[in-house]
Amino acid sequence: MPHILIVGANGVLGSATTKFFLRKGFQVSALIRNREKAIELEKDGATLLQADITDPDSLKNIFKEVDVVLTAAHGMLGKGKNKSQNVDHEGHKLLINEAKKSGVKHFIYTSINSASPNHPIDFFRTKYLIEDHLKSSGLNYTILRLPAFMEWHVYNLLAKNIVEKGRATIFGSGTNPINFIAVKDVVEAIDKIALNENYYNKIIFLAGPQNFSRNEIAKLYGNALNIKPKVRHVPIQLLKILSILFQPMHPGIARIMKLTIHTENSDETMDVKESIEKFGLQPTTINDFILSSIEKHSRS
């Protein structure tokens, strides 16, 4: 029975991946910080490993007899001990080094589409640095370059208020097209990759099947709900001021504001030929996701 360890199993991707591989009959270990939030995963059959990836001592022996590792943890919004530098840089270096010592067969790292050494946002530069560290580690690796998740960036951060209140707030003009992907599609691609040596030591771009602006998504939700949402835009100049004010109090929130400013005019699209269709799978369209999310809300 293959043994997979999911780092960040309480998150949206980590939780979905844990449940998926448990249903497939894998032995699944879930690396988490907060045990209470992972009780459902334990009930489903996951072995909970409570550890902190910023603490080297807590990571000792966690990869024993593990075949595949998937990292789904990040500190983009973190602060203090859990700030991005600690989690995304030092913590992931510790994970990679410990996995190498333990003889892990395959290390799958979830990176981000725009990761680069000169990106204006530190989180994206860190992702690139960890890609490099993983490539030079001697581990068999797969790096997944991913766009924004529909569950967070389409629904939670935008459409949830439209569904519940008929209104939404969009940072910036909302006109720039962005690529979004459904988490379940990422999980299905990981399933194809996890035990397949053909994907060892490769960087794989995994795109959603469409590029849409946030304004277009708000309109699509309105059409599906048969309403005209009230959409308020936060001007870029105000975001610049707020990002400076938030920096000392909450660098994670300041980072999101800076990222919004950057993405106002940068290319956030992806080549839709890179969708999970290349794995012989059917991608989730924005319209499919919209109908599904509205239905799910109506049942809750």
Protein backbone atom coordinates (compact mmCIF):
# COMPACT_ATOMS: atom_id res chain seq x y z
CA MET A 1 0.00 0.00 0.00
CA PRO A 2 1.63 3.34 -1.02
CA HIS A 3 2.22 5.81 1.81
CA ILE A 4 1.69 9.51 1.08
CA LEU A 5 2.36 12.34 3.51
CA ILE A 6 0.43 15.59 3.03
CA VAL A 7 2.04 18.71 4.48
CA GLY A 8 -0.61 21.30 5.32
CA ALA A 9 -3.48 18.81 5.38
CA ASN A 10 -5.88 21.27 6.99
CA GLY A 11 -5.80 23.60 3.98
CA VAL A 12 -8.13 23.50 1.00
CA LEU A 13 -5.74 21.52 -1.24
CA GLY A 14 -4.25 19.44 1.56
CA SER A 15 -7.63 18.37 2.91
CA ALA A 16 -9.01 17.49 -0.54
CA THR A 17 -5.88 15.49 -1.39
CA THR A 18 -5.93 13.63 1.93
CA LYS A 19 -9.55 12.54 1.47
CA PHE A 20 -8.96 11.58 -2.17
CA PHE A 21 -6.01 9.28 -1.44
CA LEU A 22 -7.74 7.73 1.55
CA ARG A 23 -10.62 6.75 -0.75
CA LYS A 24 -8.06 5.21 -3.12
CA GLY A 25 -6.75 2.99 -0.34
CA PHE A 26 -3.43 4.77 0.26
CA GLN A 27 -1.86 4.96 3.68
CA VAL A 28 -2.13 8.70 4.33
CA SER A 29 -0.30 10.74 6.97
CA ALA A 30 -1.53 14.28 7.51
CA LEU A 31 1.04 16.77 8.80
CA ILE A 32 -0.87 19.47 10.67
CA ARG A 33 -0.30 22.17 13.28
CA ASN A 34 -3.82 22.22 14.73
CA ARG A 35 -5.12 18.77 15.66
CA GLU A 36 -8.66 19.96 16.42
CA LYS A 37 -9.14 21.17 12.85
CA ALA A 38 -8.09 17.75 11.50
CA ILE A 39 -10.44 15.51 13.51
CA GLU A 40 -12.55 14.78 10.41
CA LEU A 41 -9.45 13.67 8.50
CA GLU A 42 -8.58 11.33 11.36
CA LYS A 43 -12.11 9.90 11.30
CA ASP A 44 -11.68 9.30 7.56
CA GLY A 45 -8.58 7.22 8.30
CA ALA A 46 -5.64 9.61 8.10
CA THR A 47 -2.77 9.34 10.56
CA LEU A 48 -2.34 12.77 12.12
CA LEU A 49 1.20 14.04 12.64
CA GLN A 50 1.25 17.24 14.67
CA ALA A 51 4.39 19.17 13.79
CA ASP A 52 5.63 22.64 12.93
CA ILE A 53 7.67 22.91 9.76
CA THR A 54 9.56 25.86 11.26
CA ASP A 55 10.80 23.58 14.08
CA PRO A 56 13.54 21.12 12.95
CA ASP A 57 13.12 18.85 15.98
CA SER A 58 9.40 18.30 15.27
CA LEU A 59 10.21 17.05 11.76
CA LYS A 60 12.60 14.28 12.75
CA ASN A 61 11.49 10.82 11.51
CA ILE A 62 8.17 12.07 10.08
CA PHE A 63 9.14 10.77 6.62
CA LYS A 64 9.97 7.25 7.80
CA GLU A 65 8.57 4.71 5.30
CA VAL A 66 6.88 7.51 3.30
CA ASP A 67 6.80 7.00 -0.48
CA VAL A 68 5.36 10.33 -1.67
CA VAL A 69 5.30 13.78 -0.09
CA LEU A 70 2.95 16.57 -1.16
CA THR A 71 3.50 20.06 0.24
CA ALA A 72 0.30 22.10 0.41
CA ALA A 73 1.27 24.46 3.24
CA HIS A 74 2.19 28.12 2.87
CA GLY A 75 2.58 31.24 4.96
CA MET A 76 1.48 33.91 2.51
CA LEU A 77 -0.86 35.45 5.09
CA GLY A 78 1.22 34.47 8.10
CA LYS A 79 2.76 36.74 10.68
CA GLY A 80 5.10 36.38 13.63
CA LYS A 81 6.43 32.84 13.94
CA ASN A 82 4.35 31.77 10.94
CA LYS A 83 5.49 34.53 8.60
CA SER A 84 6.27 33.61 5.00
CA GLN A 85 10.06 33.67 5.46
CA ASN A 86 9.80 31.04 8.21
CA VAL A 87 7.19 28.78 6.58
CA ASP A 88 7.76 29.11 2.83
CA HIS A 89 11.54 29.42 2.87
CA GLU A 90 13.24 27.98 5.97
CA GLY A 91 10.43 25.53 6.74
CA HIS A 92 10.32 24.06 3.24
CA LYS A 93 14.10 23.74 3.12
CA LEU A 94 13.87 21.72 6.34
CA LEU A 95 11.15 19.52 4.81
CA ILE A 96 13.18 18.84 1.67
CA ASN A 97 16.35 18.08 3.62
CA GLU A 98 14.57 15.73 6.01
CA ALA A 99 12.79 13.96 3.15
CA LYS A 100 16.14 13.40 1.44
CA LYS A 101 17.64 11.89 4.61
CA SER A 102 14.66 9.54 4.93
CA GLY A 103 14.81 8.26 1.36
CA VAL A 104 11.45 9.58 0.16
CA LYS A 105 10.79 8.36 -3.39
CA HIS A 106 8.90 11.38 -4.76
CA PHE A 107 8.54 14.96 -3.46
CA ILE A 108 5.70 16.99 -5.02
CA TYR A 109 6.02 20.73 -4.42
CA THR A 110 3.11 23.08 -5.05
CA SER A 111 4.54 26.27 -6.47
CA ILE A 112 2.88 29.16 -8.23
CA ASN A 113 2.58 30.11 -11.88
CA SER A 114 4.50 33.38 -11.67
CA ALA A 115 7.34 32.24 -9.39
CA SER A 116 10.57 33.96 -10.47
CA PRO A 117 13.82 35.24 -8.96
CA ASN A 118 12.94 38.89 -9.65
CA HIS A 119 9.20 38.98 -8.91
CA PRO A 120 8.25 42.17 -7.01
CA ILE A 121 6.41 40.13 -4.33
CA ASP A 122 8.65 38.22 -1.90
CA PHE A 123 6.34 35.16 -1.73
CA PHE A 124 6.89 34.48 -5.45
CA ARG A 125 10.65 34.89 -5.13
CA THR A 126 10.64 32.45 -2.21
CA LYS A 127 8.71 29.87 -4.24
CA TYR A 128 11.39 30.09 -6.93
CA LEU A 129 14.19 29.67 -4.37
CA ILE A 130 12.57 26.53 -2.97
CA GLU A 131 12.11 25.14 -6.48
CA ASP A 132 15.86 25.55 -6.94
CA HIS A 133 16.63 23.95 -3.58
CA LEU A 134 14.41 20.98 -4.41
CA LYS A 135 15.99 20.54 -7.85
CA SER A 136 19.46 20.41 -6.33
CA SER A 137 18.46 18.18 -3.37
CA GLY A 138 18.89 14.83 -5.11
CA LEU A 139 15.25 13.92 -4.48
CA ASN A 140 12.94 12.80 -7.27
CA TYR A 141 10.64 15.79 -7.51
CA THR A 142 7.71 17.24 -9.39
CA ILE A 143 7.08 20.98 -9.19
CA LEU A 144 3.49 22.02 -9.88
CA ARG A 145 3.17 25.62 -11.11
CA LEU A 146 -0.42 26.50 -10.19
CA PRO A 147 -2.76 29.48 -10.71
CA ALA A 148 -5.28 30.80 -8.16
CA PHE A 149 -7.77 28.31 -6.71
CA MET A 150 -11.42 28.83 -7.62
CA GLU A 151 -12.47 27.90 -4.09
CA TRP A 152 -10.60 30.84 -2.62
CA HIS A 153 -10.19 33.49 -5.28
CA VAL A 154 -13.45 33.00 -7.16
CA TYR A 155 -15.79 32.07 -4.30
CA ASN A 156 -14.49 32.94 -0.82
CA LEU A 157 -12.83 36.25 -1.69
CA LEU A 158 -15.37 37.45 -4.25
CA ALA A 159 -18.55 35.55 -4.95
CA LYS A 160 -19.57 34.48 -1.45
CA ASN A 161 -20.83 37.98 -0.68
CA ILE A 162 -22.68 38.06 -4.00
CA VAL A 163 -24.43 34.78 -3.19
CA GLU A 164 -25.23 35.81 0.39
CA LYS A 165 -25.76 39.58 0.10
CA GLY A 166 -25.92 40.48 -3.59
CA ARG A 167 -22.79 42.63 -3.41
CA ALA A 168 -19.02 42.34 -3.58
CA THR A 169 -15.82 44.32 -3.11
CA ILE A 170 -13.06 44.03 -5.72
CA PHE A 171 -9.57 45.39 -5.13
CA GLY A 172 -8.47 47.39 -8.14
CA SER A 173 -10.34 47.76 -11.43
CA GLY A 174 -11.15 44.05 -11.72
CA THR A 175 -10.60 44.13 -15.49
CA ASN A 176 -7.38 42.10 -15.79
CA PRO A 177 -7.96 38.46 -16.87
CA ILE A 178 -6.73 35.78 -14.45
CA ASN A 179 -6.45 32.01 -14.62
CA PHE A 180 -8.30 30.03 -11.96
CA ILE A 181 -8.32 26.29 -11.29
CA ALA A 182 -10.60 24.03 -9.24
CA VAL A 183 -8.88 22.21 -6.39
CA LYS A 184 -10.42 18.89 -7.37
CA ASP A 185 -8.69 19.19 -10.76
CA VAL A 186 -5.34 19.71 -9.05
CA VAL A 187 -5.98 16.64 -6.90
CA GLU A 188 -6.83 14.51 -9.93
CA ALA A 189 -3.62 15.64 -11.64
CA ILE A 190 -1.62 14.79 -8.51
CA ASP A 191 -3.18 11.32 -8.63
CA LYS A 192 -1.78 10.86 -12.16
CA ILE A 193 1.65 12.14 -11.09
CA ALA A 194 2.24 10.65 -7.63
CA LEU A 195 3.41 7.13 -8.57
CA ASN A 196 4.42 7.80 -12.17
CA GLU A 197 8.17 8.04 -12.76
CA ASN A 198 7.54 9.79 -16.08
CA TYR A 199 6.81 12.94 -14.05
CA TYR A 200 9.95 12.78 -11.93
CA ASN A 201 12.25 15.81 -12.03
CA LYS A 202 9.90 18.01 -14.02
CA ILE A 203 8.17 21.36 -13.66
CA ILE A 204 4.54 21.03 -14.69
CA PHE A 205 2.33 24.04 -15.40
CA LEU A 206 -1.25 23.21 -14.50
CA ALA A 207 -3.84 25.74 -15.68
CA GLY A 208 -7.54 26.15 -15.39
CA PRO A 209 -9.42 25.90 -18.70
CA GLN A 210 -10.30 29.63 -18.92
CA ASN A 211 -9.03 33.12 -18.12
CA PHE A 212 -11.56 35.56 -16.65
CA SER A 213 -11.44 38.96 -14.96
CA ARG A 214 -12.98 39.43 -11.52
CA ASN A 215 -15.58 41.77 -13.03
CA GLU A 216 -16.59 39.02 -15.47
CA ILE A 217 -16.88 36.50 -12.64
CA ALA A 218 -19.12 38.86 -10.64
CA LYS A 219 -21.34 39.25 -13.70
CA LEU A 220 -21.48 35.48 -14.26
CA TYR A 221 -22.58 34.93 -10.66
CA GLY A 222 -25.21 37.62 -11.10
CA ASN A 223 -26.49 35.91 -14.24
CA ALA A 224 -26.66 32.54 -12.45
CA LEU A 225 -28.55 34.13 -9.54
CA ASN A 226 -30.69 36.30 -11.83
CA ILE A 227 -29.56 39.48 -10.04
CA LYS A 228 -27.35 42.48 -10.79
CA PRO A 229 -24.66 42.45 -8.07
CA LYS A 230 -23.59 45.71 -6.46
CA VAL A 231 -19.83 45.76 -7.02
CA ARG A 232 -17.58 48.24 -5.23
CA HIS A 233 -13.97 48.74 -6.35
CA VAL A 234 -11.15 49.74 -3.99
CA PRO A 235 -8.86 52.13 -5.93
CA ILE A 236 -5.22 51.14 -6.44
CA GLN A 237 -4.01 54.40 -4.85
CA LEU A 238 -5.88 53.55 -1.65
CA LEU A 239 -4.39 50.03 -1.69
CA LYS A 240 -0.90 51.53 -1.93
CA ILE A 241 -1.53 53.58 1.21
CA LEU A 242 -3.14 50.66 3.07
CA SER A 243 -0.30 48.29 2.16
CA ILE A 244 2.17 50.66 3.84
CA LEU A 245 -0.02 51.05 6.93
CA PHE A 246 -0.56 47.29 7.30
CA GLN A 247 3.08 46.29 6.79
CA PRO A 248 4.19 46.60 10.44
CA MET A 249 0.92 45.19 11.84
CA HIS A 250 0.19 42.36 9.42
CA PRO A 251 2.73 41.81 6.62
CA GLY A 252 0.56 39.03 5.14
CA ILE A 253 -2.35 41.37 4.45
CA ALA A 254 0.07 44.02 3.18
CA ARG A 255 1.51 41.38 0.83
CA ILE A 256 -1.95 40.65 -0.62
CA MET A 257 -2.51 44.35 -1.24
CA LYS A 258 0.88 44.71 -2.94
CA LEU A 259 0.11 41.66 -5.05
CA THR A 260 -3.20 43.17 -6.13
CA ILE A 261 -1.39 46.34 -7.17
CA HIS A 262 1.12 44.29 -9.16
CA THR A 263 -1.50 42.13 -10.87
CA GLU A 264 -3.51 45.14 -12.00
CA ASN A 265 -1.33 45.38 -15.12
CA SER A 266 0.67 42.12 -15.20
CA ASP A 267 -0.15 39.02 -17.24
CA GLU A 268 -2.02 36.65 -14.90
CA THR A 269 -3.29 34.35 -17.62
CA MET A 270 -2.07 30.83 -18.39
CA ASP A 271 -2.10 28.77 -21.53
CA VAL A 272 -5.33 26.79 -21.23
CA LYS A 273 -3.69 23.94 -23.15
CA GLU A 274 -1.93 23.22 -19.85
CA SER A 275 -5.20 22.18 -18.18
CA ILE A 276 -5.77 18.67 -16.82
CA GLU A 277 -7.00 17.65 -20.27
CA LYS A 278 -3.37 16.70 -20.96
CA PHE A 279 -3.84 13.96 -18.33
CA GLY A 280 -6.99 12.71 -20.05
CA LEU A 281 -9.19 14.42 -17.46
CA GLN A 282 -12.13 16.81 -17.81
CA PRO A 283 -11.41 20.28 -16.40
CA THR A 284 -13.88 22.23 -14.28
CA THR A 285 -15.06 25.36 -16.11
CA ILE A 286 -15.87 28.60 -14.31
CA ASN A 287 -19.56 28.11 -15.13
CA ASP A 288 -19.49 24.56 -13.73
CA PHE A 289 -17.87 25.85 -10.57
CA ILE A 290 -20.34 28.74 -10.23
CA LEU A 291 -23.36 26.45 -10.43
CA SER A 292 -21.78 23.98 -8.03
CA SER A 293 -20.89 26.64 -5.47
CA ILE A 294 -24.38 28.16 -5.57
CA GLU A 295 -25.94 24.74 -5.11
CA LYS A 296 -23.61 23.95 -2.22
CA HIS A 297 -24.50 27.25 -0.56
CA SER A 298 -28.22 26.57 -0.91
CA ARG A 299 -27.77 23.23 0.89
CA SER A 300 -25.79 24.71 3.79
